Amino acid sequence: MAKMSGREVLEAIQAGLLAPPPMARLIGFHIVAGARSATLHLNVSYLRGLSFRSGTITAKGRVVRLTRSAALWKGW
Protein backbone atom coordinates (compact mmCIF):
# COMPACT_ATOMS: atom_id res chain seq x y z
CA MET A 1 0.00 0.00 0.00
CA ALA A 2 2.95 2.36 0.63
CA LYS A 3 3.72 2.46 -3.10
CA MET A 4 0.11 3.12 -4.12
CA SER A 5 -1.25 6.56 -4.93
CA GLY A 6 -4.13 7.91 -2.86
CA ARG A 7 -6.48 7.23 -5.73
CA GLU A 8 -5.30 3.62 -6.00
CA VAL A 9 -5.82 3.10 -2.27
CA LEU A 10 -9.38 4.48 -2.42
CA GLU A 11 -10.20 2.36 -5.46
CA ALA A 12 -8.82 -0.76 -3.72
CA ILE A 13 -10.91 -0.01 -0.62
CA GLN A 14 -13.99 0.51 -2.76
CA ALA A 15 -13.34 -2.78 -4.62
CA GLY A 16 -12.91 -4.64 -1.33
CA LEU A 17 -9.22 -5.41 -1.97
CA LEU A 18 -8.08 -3.36 1.04
CA ALA A 19 -9.79 -2.94 4.38
CA PRO A 20 -11.03 0.58 5.14
CA PRO A 21 -9.31 2.56 7.90
CA PRO A 22 -10.51 1.73 11.46
CA MET A 23 -12.17 5.15 11.84
CA ALA A 24 -14.16 4.61 8.64
CA ARG A 25 -15.42 1.27 9.99
CA LEU A 26 -16.22 2.84 13.36
CA ILE A 27 -18.39 5.59 11.90
CA GLY A 28 -19.80 3.53 9.01
CA PHE A 29 -18.12 5.63 6.30
CA HIS A 30 -18.11 4.07 2.85
CA ILE A 31 -17.18 5.21 -0.64
CA VAL A 32 -20.00 5.63 -3.17
CA ALA A 33 -19.07 5.66 -6.92
CA GLY A 34 -18.94 8.82 -8.98
CA ALA A 35 -16.74 11.05 -11.12
CA ARG A 36 -13.16 11.89 -10.18
CA SER A 37 -11.71 15.38 -9.97
CA ALA A 38 -8.97 17.31 -8.22
CA THR A 39 -9.42 19.08 -4.88
CA LEU A 40 -8.36 22.70 -5.38
CA HIS A 41 -9.75 24.13 -2.13
CA LEU A 42 -11.42 22.51 0.86
CA ASN A 43 -13.09 24.31 3.74
CA VAL A 44 -14.86 22.53 6.60
CA SER A 45 -16.72 24.21 9.45
CA TYR A 46 -17.67 22.20 12.53
CA LEU A 47 -20.79 23.26 14.41
CA ARG A 48 -20.42 20.85 17.33
CA GLY A 49 -18.81 17.54 18.28
CA LEU A 50 -20.42 14.18 17.57
CA SER A 51 -20.92 11.22 19.85
CA PHE A 52 -22.61 7.83 19.62
CA ARG A 53 -25.78 9.53 20.87
CA SER A 54 -25.76 11.73 17.74
CA GLY A 55 -27.16 8.82 15.72
CA THR A 56 -26.68 8.40 11.99
CA ILE A 57 -24.95 11.29 10.24
CA THR A 58 -25.42 11.69 6.49
CA ALA A 59 -23.30 13.99 4.34
CA LYS A 60 -24.68 15.05 0.98
CA GLY A 61 -23.10 16.92 -1.88
CA ARG A 62 -24.15 18.37 -5.19
CA VAL A 63 -21.99 19.23 -8.19
CA VAL A 64 -22.46 22.90 -9.10
CA ARG A 65 -20.03 22.97 -12.03
CA LEU A 66 -17.99 20.20 -13.66
CA THR A 67 -15.12 20.75 -16.09
CA ARG A 68 -12.55 18.35 -17.53
CA SER A 69 -10.05 19.16 -14.78
CA ALA A 70 -12.02 20.26 -11.70
CA ALA A 71 -15.42 20.25 -10.06
CA LEU A 72 -17.17 22.83 -7.89
CA TRP A 73 -19.51 21.20 -5.42
CA LYS A 74 -21.49 22.06 -2.33
CA GLY A 75 -21.89 19.79 0.64
CA TRP A 76 -24.25 19.87 3.58
C-alpha atoms as a PDB file:
ATOM      1  CA  MET A   1       0.000   0.000   0.000  1.00  0.00           C
ATOM      2  CA  ALA A   2       2.945   2.364   0.634  1.00  0.00           C
ATOM      3  CA  LYS A   3       3.715   2.463  -3.096  1.00  0.00           C
ATOM      4  CA  MET A   4       0.108   3.117  -4.116  1.00  0.00           C
ATOM      5  CA  SER A   5      -1.253   6.560  -4.928  1.00  0.00           C
ATOM      6  CA  GLY A   6      -4.129   7.914  -2.858  1.00  0.00           C
ATOM      7  CA  ARG A   7      -6.483   7.233  -5.732  1.00  0.00           C
ATOM      8  CA  GLU A   8      -5.296   3.623  -6.005  1.00  0.00           C
ATOM      9  CA  VAL A   9      -5.823   3.102  -2.273  1.00  0.00           C
ATOM     10  CA  LEU A  10      -9.376   4.479  -2.421  1.00  0.00           C
ATOM     11  CA  GLU A  11     -10.198   2.355  -5.464  1.00  0.00           C
ATOM     12  CA  ALA A  12      -8.816  -0.755  -3.723  1.00  0.00           C
ATOM     13  CA  ILE A  13     -10.908  -0.010  -0.617  1.00  0.00           C
ATOM     14  CA  GLN A  14     -13.995   0.515  -2.756  1.00  0.00           C
ATOM     15  CA  ALA A  15     -13.342  -2.776  -4.621  1.00  0.00           C
ATOM     16  CA  GLY A  16     -12.906  -4.639  -1.327  1.00  0.00           C
ATOM     17  CA  LEU A  17      -9.223  -5.414  -1.971  1.00  0.00           C
ATOM     18  CA  LEU A  18      -8.081  -3.355   1.038  1.00  0.00           C
ATOM     19  CA  ALA A  19      -9.795  -2.936   4.385  1.00  0.00           C
ATOM     20  CA  PRO A  20     -11.035   0.584   5.135  1.00  0.00           C
ATOM     21  CA  PRO A  21      -9.308   2.562   7.902  1.00  0.00           C
ATOM     22  CA  PRO A  22     -10.514   1.728  11.456  1.00  0.00           C
ATOM     23  CA  MET A  23     -12.171   5.154  11.839  1.00  0.00           C
ATOM     24  CA  ALA A  24     -14.158   4.610   8.636  1.00  0.00           C
ATOM     25  CA  ARG A  25     -15.416   1.273   9.985  1.00  0.00           C
ATOM     26  CA  LEU A  26     -16.222   2.841  13.358  1.00  0.00           C
ATOM     27  CA  ILE A  27     -18.391   5.594  11.901  1.00  0.00           C
ATOM     28  CA  GLY A  28     -19.796   3.531   9.014  1.00  0.00           C
ATOM     29  CA  PHE A  29     -18.122   5.633   6.302  1.00  0.00           C
ATOM     30  CA  HIS A  30     -18.109   4.071   2.848  1.00  0.00           C
ATOM     31  CA  ILE A  31     -17.176   5.208  -0.643  1.00  0.00           C
ATOM     32  CA  VAL A  32     -19.997   5.630  -3.174  1.00  0.00           C
ATOM     33  CA  ALA A  33     -19.066   5.660  -6.922  1.00  0.00           C
ATOM     34  CA  GLY A  34     -18.939   8.820  -8.985  1.00  0.00           C
ATOM     35  CA  ALA A  35     -16.744  11.051 -11.123  1.00  0.00           C
ATOM     36  CA  ARG A  36     -13.162  11.889 -10.184  1.00  0.00           C
ATOM     37  CA  SER A  37     -11.707  15.384  -9.970  1.00  0.00           C
ATOM     38  CA  ALA A  38      -8.965  17.309  -8.219  1.00  0.00           C
ATOM     39  CA  THR A  39      -9.417  19.083  -4.883  1.00  0.00           C
ATOM     40  CA  LEU A  40      -8.364  22.702  -5.381  1.00  0.00           C
ATOM     41  CA  HIS A  41      -9.748  24.133  -2.133  1.00  0.00           C
ATOM     42  CA  LEU A  42     -11.416  22.510   0.860  1.00  0.00           C
ATOM     43  CA  ASN A  43     -13.089  24.313   3.744  1.00  0.00           C
ATOM     44  CA  VAL A  44     -14.855  22.528   6.598  1.00  0.00           C
ATOM     45  CA  SER A  45     -16.718  24.209   9.452  1.00  0.00           C
ATOM     46  CA  TYR A  46     -17.673  22.199  12.526  1.00  0.00           C
ATOM     47  CA  LEU A  47     -20.791  23.261  14.414  1.00  0.00           C
ATOM     48  CA  ARG A  48     -20.420  20.852  17.334  1.00  0.00           C
ATOM     49  CA  GLY A  49     -18.814  17.543  18.282  1.00  0.00           C
ATOM     50  CA  LEU A  50     -20.419  14.185  17.566  1.00  0.00           C
ATOM     51  CA  SER A  51     -20.920  11.223  19.846  1.00  0.00           C
ATOM     52  CA  PHE A  52     -22.614   7.829  19.621  1.00  0.00           C
ATOM     53  CA  ARG A  53     -25.781   9.535  20.873  1.00  0.00           C
ATOM     54  CA  SER A  54     -25.757  11.727  17.736  1.00  0.00           C
ATOM     55  CA  GLY A  55     -27.165   8.821  15.718  1.00  0.00           C
ATOM     56  CA  THR A  56     -26.682   8.400  11.988  1.00  0.00           C
ATOM     57  CA  ILE A  57     -24.946  11.291  10.240  1.00  0.00           C
ATOM     58  CA  THR A  58     -25.423  11.692   6.493  1.00  0.00           C
ATOM     59  CA  ALA A  59     -23.302  13.993   4.341  1.00  0.00           C
ATOM     60  CA  LYS A  60     -24.682  15.052   0.981  1.00  0.00           C
ATOM     61  CA  GLY A  61     -23.104  16.916  -1.882  1.00  0.00           C
ATOM     62  CA  ARG A  62     -24.155  18.366  -5.194  1.00  0.00           C
ATOM     63  CA  VAL A  63     -21.992  19.225  -8.191  1.00  0.00           C
ATOM     64  CA  VAL A  64     -22.459  22.895  -9.099  1.00  0.00           C
ATOM     65  CA  ARG A  65     -20.034  22.967 -12.030  1.00  0.00           C
ATOM     66  CA  LEU A  66     -17.987  20.198 -13.656  1.00  0.00           C
ATOM     67  CA  THR A  67     -15.123  20.752 -16.092  1.00  0.00           C
ATOM     68  CA  ARG A  68     -12.546  18.350 -17.534  1.00  0.00           C
ATOM     69  CA  SER A  69     -10.048  19.156 -14.779  1.00  0.00           C
ATOM     70  CA  ALA A  70     -12.022  20.257 -11.700  1.00  0.00           C
ATOM     71  CA  ALA A  71     -15.419  20.247 -10.058  1.00  0.00           C
ATOM     72  CA  LEU A  72     -17.172  22.834  -7.895  1.00  0.00           C
ATOM     73  CA  TRP A  73     -19.507  21.199  -5.417  1.00  0.00           C
ATOM     74  CA  LYS A  74     -21.494  22.059  -2.328  1.00  0.00           C
ATOM     75  CA  GLY A  75     -21.888  19.787   0.639  1.00  0.00           C
ATOM     76  CA  TRP A  76     -24.249  19.869   3.581  1.00  0.00           C
END
